[in-house]
C-alpha atoms as a PDB file:
ATOM      1  CA  UNK A   1     116.277 126.242 167.452  1.00  0.00           C
ATOM      2  CA  UNK A   2     118.212 128.852 169.408  1.00  0.00           C
ATOM      3  CA  UNK A   3     118.499 128.791 173.197  1.00  0.00           C
ATOM      4  CA  UNK A   4     119.287 131.821 175.275  1.00  0.00           C
ATOM      5  CA  UNK A   5     119.826 131.211 178.974  1.00  0.00           C
ATOM      6  CA  UNK A   6     119.495 134.190 181.282  1.00  0.00           C
ATOM      7  CA  UNK A   7     120.953 133.277 184.680  1.00  0.00           C
ATOM      8  CA  UNK A   8     120.190 136.019 187.162  1.00  0.00           C
ATOM      9  CA  UNK A   9     122.742 134.885 189.769  1.00  0.00           C
ATOM     10  CA  UNK A  10     124.982 137.840 190.506  1.00  0.00           C
ATOM     11  CA  UNK A  11     122.485 140.512 189.474  1.00  0.00           C
ATOM     12  CA  UNK A  12     122.596 143.103 192.249  1.00  0.00           C
ATOM     13  CA  UNK A  13     121.253 146.298 190.653  1.00  0.00           C
ATOM     14  CA  UNK A  14     119.279 147.617 187.713  1.00  0.00           C
ATOM     15  CA  UNK A  15     122.551 148.640 186.101  1.00  0.00           C
ATOM     16  CA  UNK A  16     124.008 145.116 186.281  1.00  0.00           C
ATOM     17  CA  UNK A  17     120.705 143.699 185.015  1.00  0.00           C
ATOM     18  CA  UNK A  18     120.752 145.910 181.926  1.00  0.00           C
ATOM     19  CA  UNK A  19     124.480 145.365 181.387  1.00  0.00           C
ATOM     20  CA  UNK A  20     123.709 141.643 181.404  1.00  0.00           C
ATOM     21  CA  UNK A  21     120.876 142.058 178.883  1.00  0.00           C
ATOM     22  CA  UNK A  22     123.162 144.144 176.663  1.00  0.00           C
ATOM     23  CA  UNK A  23     125.806 141.418 176.720  1.00  0.00           C
ATOM     24  CA  UNK A  24     123.545 138.370 176.294  1.00  0.00           C
ATOM     25  CA  UNK A  25     121.333 139.833 173.580  1.00  0.00           C
ATOM     26  CA  UNK A  26     124.210 141.707 171.916  1.00  0.00           C
ATOM     27  CA  UNK A  27     122.288 144.984 172.133  1.00  0.00           C
ATOM     28  CA  UNK A  28     123.544 148.103 170.338  1.00  0.00           C
ATOM     29  CA  UNK A  29     125.662 150.786 172.009  1.00  0.00           C
ATOM     30  CA  UNK A  30     122.681 153.139 172.043  1.00  0.00           C
ATOM     31  CA  UNK A  31     120.680 150.721 174.248  1.00  0.00           C
ATOM     32  CA  UNK A  32     118.817 152.843 176.817  1.00  0.00           C
ATOM     33  CA  UNK A  33     119.244 150.649 179.932  1.00  0.00           C
ATOM     34  CA  UNK A  34     115.527 150.436 180.726  1.00  0.00           C
ATOM     35  CA  UNK A  35     112.711 147.974 180.043  1.00  0.00           C
ATOM     36  CA  UNK A  36     111.180 150.099 177.264  1.00  0.00           C
ATOM     37  CA  UNK A  37     114.512 150.106 175.457  1.00  0.00           C
ATOM     38  CA  UNK A  38     114.834 146.346 175.990  1.00  0.00           C
ATOM     39  CA  UNK A  39     111.403 145.827 174.447  1.00  0.00           C
ATOM     40  CA  UNK A  40     112.301 148.042 171.494  1.00  0.00           C
ATOM     41  CA  UNK A  41     115.441 145.992 170.876  1.00  0.00           C
ATOM     42  CA  UNK A  42     113.867 142.543 171.333  1.00  0.00           C
ATOM     43  CA  UNK A  43     110.413 143.015 169.820  1.00  0.00           C
ATOM     44  CA  UNK A  44     111.471 142.191 166.244  1.00  0.00           C
ATOM     45  CA  UNK A  45     114.859 140.576 166.869  1.00  0.00           C
ATOM     46  CA  UNK A  46     114.106 136.885 166.469  1.00  0.00           C
ATOM     47  CA  UNK A  47     114.255 135.444 162.966  1.00  0.00           C
ATOM     48  CA  UNK A  48     114.495 131.807 164.093  1.00  0.00           C
ATOM     49  CA  UNK A  49     112.623 129.816 166.737  1.00  0.00           C
ATOM     50  CA  UNK A  50     114.181 130.760 170.059  1.00  0.00           C
ATOM     51  CA  UNK A  51     113.694 129.546 173.603  1.00  0.00           C
ATOM     52  CA  UNK A  52     114.655 132.001 176.317  1.00  0.00           C
ATOM     53  CA  UNK A  53     115.250 130.336 179.676  1.00  0.00           C
ATOM     54  CA  UNK A  54     115.069 132.511 182.793  1.00  0.00           C
ATOM     55  CA  UNK A  55     117.034 131.003 185.679  1.00  0.00           C
ATOM     56  CA  UNK A  56     117.482 132.022 189.302  1.00  0.00           C
ATOM     57  CA  UNK A  57     114.983 134.865 189.216  1.00  0.00           C
ATOM     58  CA  UNK A  58     114.476 134.338 192.939  1.00  0.00           C
ATOM     59  CA  UNK A  59     118.089 135.492 193.466  1.00  0.00           C
ATOM     60  CA  UNK A  60     117.383 139.000 192.181  1.00  0.00           C
ATOM     61  CA  UNK A  61     117.399 141.317 195.232  1.00  0.00           C
ATOM     62  CA  UNK A  62     113.979 142.077 196.701  1.00  0.00           C
ATOM     63  CA  UNK A  63     114.532 145.815 196.263  1.00  0.00           C
ATOM     64  CA  UNK A  64     114.321 145.106 192.531  1.00  0.00           C
ATOM     65  CA  UNK A  65     110.865 143.456 192.750  1.00  0.00           C
ATOM     66  CA  UNK A  66     109.181 146.116 190.617  1.00  0.00           C
ATOM     67  CA  UNK A  67     111.797 145.802 187.871  1.00  0.00           C
ATOM     68  CA  UNK A  68     111.570 142.006 188.060  1.00  0.00           C
ATOM     69  CA  UNK A  69     107.796 142.099 187.602  1.00  0.00           C
ATOM     70  CA  UNK A  70     108.122 144.434 184.618  1.00  0.00           C
ATOM     71  CA  UNK A  71     110.816 142.175 183.145  1.00  0.00           C
ATOM     72  CA  UNK A  72     108.582 139.110 183.480  1.00  0.00           C
ATOM     73  CA  UNK A  73     105.712 140.961 181.802  1.00  0.00           C
ATOM     74  CA  UNK A  74     108.058 141.985 178.997  1.00  0.00           C
ATOM     75  CA  UNK A  75     109.066 138.364 178.348  1.00  0.00           C
ATOM     76  CA  UNK A  76     105.423 137.278 178.564  1.00  0.00           C
ATOM     77  CA  UNK A  77     104.471 139.886 175.931  1.00  0.00           C
ATOM     78  CA  UNK A  78     107.450 138.901 173.794  1.00  0.00           C
ATOM     79  CA  UNK A  79     106.305 135.292 173.769  1.00  0.00           C
ATOM     80  CA  UNK A  80     102.685 136.273 173.112  1.00  0.00           C
ATOM     81  CA  UNK A  81     103.522 138.655 170.255  1.00  0.00           C
ATOM     82  CA  UNK A  82     106.228 136.627 168.531  1.00  0.00           C
ATOM     83  CA  UNK A  83     105.379 133.058 167.561  1.00  0.00           C
ATOM     84  CA  UNK A  84     109.084 132.257 167.223  1.00  0.00           C
ATOM     85  CA  UNK A  85     109.799 132.948 170.901  1.00  0.00           C
ATOM     86  CA  UNK A  86     109.164 130.623 173.831  1.00  0.00           C
ATOM     87  CA  UNK A  87     110.017 131.723 177.353  1.00  0.00           C
ATOM     88  CA  UNK A  88     110.635 129.253 180.160  1.00  0.00           C
ATOM     89  CA  UNK A  89     111.260 129.951 183.811  1.00  0.00           C
ATOM     90  CA  UNK A  90     113.389 127.521 185.756  1.00  0.00           C
ATOM     91  CA  UNK A  91     112.536 127.747 189.405  1.00  0.00           C
ATOM     92  CA  UNK A  92     114.766 126.504 192.194  1.00  0.00           C
ATOM     93  CA  UNK A  93     112.525 128.153 194.753  1.00  0.00           C
ATOM     94  CA  UNK A  94     111.147 124.821 195.946  1.00  0.00           C
ATOM     95  CA  UNK A  95     114.277 122.809 195.197  1.00  0.00           C
ATOM     96  CA  UNK A  96     112.648 120.967 192.323  1.00  0.00           C
ATOM     97  CA  UNK A  97     114.344 122.617 189.308  1.00  0.00           C
ATOM     98  CA  UNK A  98     110.955 122.735 187.606  1.00  0.00           C
ATOM     99  CA  UNK A  99     110.590 124.582 184.344  1.00  0.00           C
ATOM    100  CA  UNK A 100     107.403 126.144 183.117  1.00  0.00           C
ATOM    101  CA  UNK A 101     106.399 128.399 180.288  1.00  0.00           C
ATOM    102  CA  UNK A 102     105.440 131.973 181.115  1.00  0.00           C
END
């Protein structure tokens, strides 16, 4: 089982978000720095069971709400379409460190 932890602390712009995705997922140089390109790269990328943990989403700036919603939908679709992928969100919003599956 592979674990990928995406910690969104420090994400301040769409550019830094996509730079982070490129680094964590080891995306190719031609990565397009948008959610469609992220989907294209991740859709068939997981050969082994993988859990993707999304942490500190609430720390993404509010001006990025639209991008955050699209990102969450992308991970929801990824989990739905690929039986090897499980996505969990760790929420500190209420101080309880609860984790739940998208």
